[in-house]
Amino acid sequence: MLVHIGVFLIAISFAIVSIYIAIMLLKTSRILSTAGRSVSLMEARVDQMIGEMEDTLYVAGNTVNDLDVKLDSMTSAFYVVRDLADTSETLTEGISGVTQSYEQDDTLKGTGPFVRIIQFSEFAVGIVKSWKQGERKGKSNQGGEGSL
């Protein structure tokens, strides 16, 4: 009889352990199904983010290309400014030499101020002509390009 009671207690212990294992497996199953849904949602979000990142990279590439074109067009403007500076320097050196020769000439002592006015007006006309020429070149370069 003790053997029967011992077997009965082992059977009850086995049933309790089996029920506990079954409950743990159910909880694990629920956790895994929740994790599966989370992974599928994450996958959908990652796919959406990748699409948006591709669009962003495309727009960034277009912006970089546009900036490159605009910088190329600005290069000519900087060349014009450099040429204006060189022209201004050349004109100033020429005017300085001519002014000194007029100052040293004794026969033209009273005409010095008038000569300077004429020289500076010629200098101003040269700068305006150079500026207009650069402006025309700048407008002709912008003909085929878009603007912001």
C-alpha atoms as a PDB file:
ATOM      1  CA  MET A   1       0.000   0.000   0.000  1.00  0.00           C
ATOM      2  CA  LEU A   2       2.818   2.410   0.675  1.00  0.00           C
ATOM      3  CA  VAL A   3       4.042   1.765  -2.802  1.00  0.00           C
ATOM      4  CA  HIS A   4       0.661   2.837  -4.190  1.00  0.00           C
ATOM      5  CA  ILE A   5       0.700   6.027  -2.136  1.00  0.00           C
ATOM      6  CA  GLY A   6       4.278   6.753  -3.288  1.00  0.00           C
ATOM      7  CA  VAL A   7       3.318   6.242  -6.947  1.00  0.00           C
ATOM      8  CA  PHE A   8       0.238   8.429  -6.440  1.00  0.00           C
ATOM      9  CA  LEU A   9       2.366  11.258  -4.958  1.00  0.00           C
ATOM     10  CA  ILE A  10       4.872  10.967  -7.820  1.00  0.00           C
ATOM     11  CA  ALA A  11       1.984  11.113 -10.320  1.00  0.00           C
ATOM     12  CA  ILE A  12       0.579  14.244  -8.643  1.00  0.00           C
ATOM     13  CA  SER A  13       4.080  15.827  -8.592  1.00  0.00           C
ATOM     14  CA  PHE A  14       4.527  14.963 -12.265  1.00  0.00           C
ATOM     15  CA  ALA A  15       1.112  16.480 -13.068  1.00  0.00           C
ATOM     16  CA  ILE A  16       1.985  19.703 -11.183  1.00  0.00           C
ATOM     17  CA  VAL A  17       5.356  19.973 -12.922  1.00  0.00           C
ATOM     18  CA  SER A  18       3.691  19.245 -16.291  1.00  0.00           C
ATOM     19  CA  ILE A  19       1.058  21.941 -15.687  1.00  0.00           C
ATOM     20  CA  TYR A  20       3.796  24.397 -14.638  1.00  0.00           C
ATOM     21  CA  ILE A  21       5.828  23.603 -17.781  1.00  0.00           C
ATOM     22  CA  ALA A  22       2.695  23.952 -19.944  1.00  0.00           C
ATOM     23  CA  ILE A  23       1.938  27.386 -18.419  1.00  0.00           C
ATOM     24  CA  MET A  24       5.545  28.482 -18.974  1.00  0.00           C
ATOM     25  CA  LEU A  25       5.431  27.271 -22.604  1.00  0.00           C
ATOM     26  CA  LEU A  26       2.158  29.195 -23.189  1.00  0.00           C
ATOM     27  CA  LYS A  27       3.691  32.372 -21.775  1.00  0.00           C
ATOM     28  CA  THR A  28       6.788  31.839 -23.934  1.00  0.00           C
ATOM     29  CA  SER A  29       4.562  31.300 -26.962  1.00  0.00           C
ATOM     30  CA  ARG A  30       2.743  34.596 -26.300  1.00  0.00           C
ATOM     31  CA  ILE A  31       6.030  36.422 -25.858  1.00  0.00           C
ATOM     32  CA  LEU A  32       7.362  34.975 -29.114  1.00  0.00           C
ATOM     33  CA  SER A  33       4.182  35.908 -31.020  1.00  0.00           C
ATOM     34  CA  THR A  34       4.376  39.460 -29.621  1.00  0.00           C
ATOM     35  CA  ALA A  35       8.038  39.606 -30.614  1.00  0.00           C
ATOM     36  CA  GLY A  36       7.114  38.379 -34.112  1.00  0.00           C
ATOM     37  CA  ARG A  37       4.516  41.150 -34.487  1.00  0.00           C
ATOM     38  CA  SER A  38       7.008  43.720 -33.190  1.00  0.00           C
ATOM     39  CA  VAL A  39       9.620  42.519 -35.676  1.00  0.00           C
ATOM     40  CA  SER A  40       7.151  42.717 -38.579  1.00  0.00           C
ATOM     41  CA  LEU A  41       6.131  46.267 -37.534  1.00  0.00           C
ATOM     42  CA  MET A  42       9.798  47.198 -37.220  1.00  0.00           C
ATOM     43  CA  GLU A  43      10.462  45.758 -40.668  1.00  0.00           C
ATOM     44  CA  ALA A  44       7.669  47.858 -42.173  1.00  0.00           C
ATOM     45  CA  ARG A  45       8.985  50.995 -40.463  1.00  0.00           C
ATOM     46  CA  VAL A  46      12.542  50.289 -41.588  1.00  0.00           C
ATOM     47  CA  ASP A  47      11.322  49.815 -45.172  1.00  0.00           C
ATOM     48  CA  GLN A  48       9.506  53.156 -44.949  1.00  0.00           C
ATOM     49  CA  MET A  49      12.602  54.841 -43.491  1.00  0.00           C
ATOM     50  CA  ILE A  50      14.797  53.425 -46.240  1.00  0.00           C
ATOM     51  CA  GLY A  51      12.416  54.811 -48.869  1.00  0.00           C
ATOM     52  CA  GLU A  52      12.481  58.226 -47.217  1.00  0.00           C
ATOM     53  CA  MET A  53      16.275  58.106 -46.946  1.00  0.00           C
ATOM     54  CA  GLU A  54      16.536  57.290 -50.655  1.00  0.00           C
ATOM     55  CA  ASP A  55      14.344  60.301 -51.439  1.00  0.00           C
ATOM     56  CA  THR A  56      16.463  62.487 -49.154  1.00  0.00           C
ATOM     57  CA  LEU A  57      19.684  61.310 -50.797  1.00  0.00           C
ATOM     58  CA  TYR A  58      18.194  61.979 -54.240  1.00  0.00           C
ATOM     59  CA  VAL A  59      17.239  65.528 -53.243  1.00  0.00           C
ATOM     60  CA  ALA A  60      20.657  66.054 -51.622  1.00  0.00           C
ATOM     61  CA  GLY A  61      22.351  64.883 -54.829  1.00  0.00           C
ATOM     62  CA  ASN A  62      20.275  67.319 -56.884  1.00  0.00           C
ATOM     63  CA  THR A  63      21.125  70.112 -54.443  1.00  0.00           C
ATOM     64  CA  VAL A  64      24.836  69.338 -54.689  1.00  0.00           C
ATOM     65  CA  ASN A  65      24.636  69.350 -58.497  1.00  0.00           C
ATOM     66  CA  ASP A  66      22.757  72.664 -58.420  1.00  0.00           C
ATOM     67  CA  LEU A  67      25.364  74.165 -56.079  1.00  0.00           C
ATOM     68  CA  ASP A  68      28.133  72.950 -58.374  1.00  0.00           C
ATOM     69  CA  VAL A  69      26.517  74.674 -61.357  1.00  0.00           C
ATOM     70  CA  LYS A  70      25.997  77.869 -59.368  1.00  0.00           C
ATOM     71  CA  LEU A  71      29.604  77.843 -58.121  1.00  0.00           C
ATOM     72  CA  ASP A  72      30.816  77.401 -61.687  1.00  0.00           C
ATOM     73  CA  SER A  73      28.765  80.432 -62.724  1.00  0.00           C
ATOM     74  CA  MET A  74      30.135  82.417 -59.770  1.00  0.00           C
ATOM     75  CA  THR A  75      33.692  81.634 -60.836  1.00  0.00           C
ATOM     76  CA  SER A  76      33.318  83.888 -63.868  1.00  0.00           C
ATOM     77  CA  ALA A  77      32.035  86.688 -61.621  1.00  0.00           C
ATOM     78  CA  PHE A  78      35.148  86.374 -59.464  1.00  0.00           C
ATOM     79  CA  TYR A  79      37.311  86.492 -62.585  1.00  0.00           C
ATOM     80  CA  VAL A  80      35.533  89.701 -63.603  1.00  0.00           C
ATOM     81  CA  VAL A  81      36.197  91.222 -60.168  1.00  0.00           C
ATOM     82  CA  ARG A  82      39.854  90.215 -60.419  1.00  0.00           C
ATOM     83  CA  ASP A  83      40.084  91.739 -63.896  1.00  0.00           C
ATOM     84  CA  LEU A  84      38.463  94.925 -62.588  1.00  0.00           C
ATOM     85  CA  ALA A  85      41.060  95.116 -59.840  1.00  0.00           C
ATOM     86  CA  ASP A  86      43.882  94.571 -62.346  1.00  0.00           C
ATOM     87  CA  THR A  87      42.430  97.229 -64.661  1.00  0.00           C
ATOM     88  CA  SER A  88      42.028  99.656 -61.776  1.00  0.00           C
ATOM     89  CA  GLU A  89      45.622  99.088 -60.720  1.00  0.00           C
ATOM     90  CA  THR A  90      46.888  99.602 -64.273  1.00  0.00           C
ATOM     91  CA  LEU A  91      44.862 102.779 -64.697  1.00  0.00           C
ATOM     92  CA  THR A  92      46.031 104.142 -61.360  1.00  0.00           C
ATOM     93  CA  GLU A  93      49.666 103.512 -62.266  1.00  0.00           C
ATOM     94  CA  GLY A  94      49.152 105.195 -65.655  1.00  0.00           C
ATOM     95  CA  ILE A  95      47.415 108.199 -64.140  1.00  0.00           C
ATOM     96  CA  SER A  96      50.123 108.510 -61.501  1.00  0.00           C
ATOM     97  CA  GLY A  97      52.829 108.586 -64.181  1.00  0.00           C
ATOM     98  CA  VAL A  98      50.973 111.124 -66.320  1.00  0.00           C
ATOM     99  CA  THR A  99      50.224 113.330 -63.302  1.00  0.00           C
ATOM    100  CA  GLN A 100      53.865 113.373 -62.296  1.00  0.00           C
ATOM    101  CA  SER A 101      54.903 114.346 -65.820  1.00  0.00           C
ATOM    102  CA  TYR A 102      52.368 117.225 -65.804  1.00  0.00           C
ATOM    103  CA  GLU A 103      53.571 118.394 -62.397  1.00  0.00           C
ATOM    104  CA  GLN A 104      57.156 118.461 -63.581  1.00  0.00           C
ATOM    105  CA  ASP A 105      56.305 120.348 -66.815  1.00  0.00           C
ATOM    106  CA  ASP A 106      56.714 124.087 -66.143  1.00  0.00           C
ATOM    107  CA  THR A 107      54.595 125.187 -69.114  1.00  0.00           C
ATOM    108  CA  LEU A 108      51.397 123.507 -67.788  1.00  0.00           C
ATOM    109  CA  LYS A 109      51.410 124.742 -64.163  1.00  0.00           C
ATOM    110  CA  GLY A 110      47.886 126.207 -64.179  1.00  0.00           C
ATOM    111  CA  THR A 111      46.267 123.268 -65.962  1.00  0.00           C
ATOM    112  CA  GLY A 112      47.103 120.647 -63.299  1.00  0.00           C
ATOM    113  CA  PRO A 113      43.656 120.532 -61.632  1.00  0.00           C
ATOM    114  CA  PHE A 114      41.877 120.340 -64.984  1.00  0.00           C
ATOM    115  CA  VAL A 115      44.144 117.565 -66.177  1.00  0.00           C
ATOM    116  CA  ARG A 116      43.461 115.622 -62.959  1.00  0.00           C
ATOM    117  CA  ILE A 117      39.702 116.003 -63.429  1.00  0.00           C
ATOM    118  CA  ILE A 118      40.005 114.707 -66.990  1.00  0.00           C
ATOM    119  CA  GLN A 119      42.166 111.802 -65.845  1.00  0.00           C
ATOM    120  CA  PHE A 120      39.813 110.790 -63.071  1.00  0.00           C
ATOM    121  CA  SER A 121      36.808 111.062 -65.384  1.00  0.00           C
ATOM    122  CA  GLU A 122      38.567 108.810 -67.924  1.00  0.00           C
ATOM    123  CA  PHE A 123      39.350 106.420 -65.091  1.00  0.00           C
ATOM    124  CA  ALA A 124      35.689 106.401 -63.991  1.00  0.00           C
ATOM    125  CA  VAL A 125      34.508 105.826 -67.560  1.00  0.00           C
ATOM    126  CA  GLY A 126      36.918 102.891 -67.872  1.00  0.00           C
ATOM    127  CA  ILE A 127      35.605 101.331 -64.663  1.00  0.00           C
ATOM    128  CA  VAL A 128      31.972 101.745 -65.756  1.00  0.00           C
ATOM    129  CA  LYS A 129      32.710 100.196 -69.172  1.00  0.00           C
ATOM    130  CA  SER A 130      34.482  97.265 -67.541  1.00  0.00           C
ATOM    131  CA  TRP A 131      31.622  96.807 -65.063  1.00  0.00           C
ATOM    132  CA  LYS A 132      28.999  96.833 -67.835  1.00  0.00           C
ATOM    133  CA  GLN A 133      31.040  94.368 -69.867  1.00  0.00           C
ATOM    134  CA  GLY A 134      31.260  92.036 -66.866  1.00  0.00           C
ATOM    135  CA  GLU A 135      27.536  92.427 -66.235  1.00  0.00           C
ATOM    136  CA  ARG A 136      26.757  91.462 -69.847  1.00  0.00           C
ATOM    137  CA  LYS A 137      29.013  88.399 -69.585  1.00  0.00           C
ATOM    138  CA  GLY A 138      27.334  87.411 -66.331  1.00  0.00           C
ATOM    139  CA  LYS A 139      23.869  87.672 -67.904  1.00  0.00           C
ATOM    140  CA  SER A 140      24.926  85.650 -70.949  1.00  0.00           C
ATOM    141  CA  ASN A 141      26.319  82.897 -68.655  1.00  0.00           C
ATOM    142  CA  GLN A 142      23.059  82.713 -66.685  1.00  0.00           C
ATOM    143  CA  GLY A 143      20.909  82.155 -69.787  1.00  0.00           C
ATOM    144  CA  GLY A 144      20.984  78.332 -69.649  1.00  0.00           C
ATOM    145  CA  GLU A 145      20.929  77.896 -65.880  1.00  0.00           C
ATOM    146  CA  GLY A 146      18.073  77.856 -63.395  1.00  0.00           C
ATOM    147  CA  SER A 147      18.013  79.968 -60.280  1.00  0.00           C
ATOM    148  CA  LEU A 148      16.958  79.408 -56.699  1.00  0.00           C
END
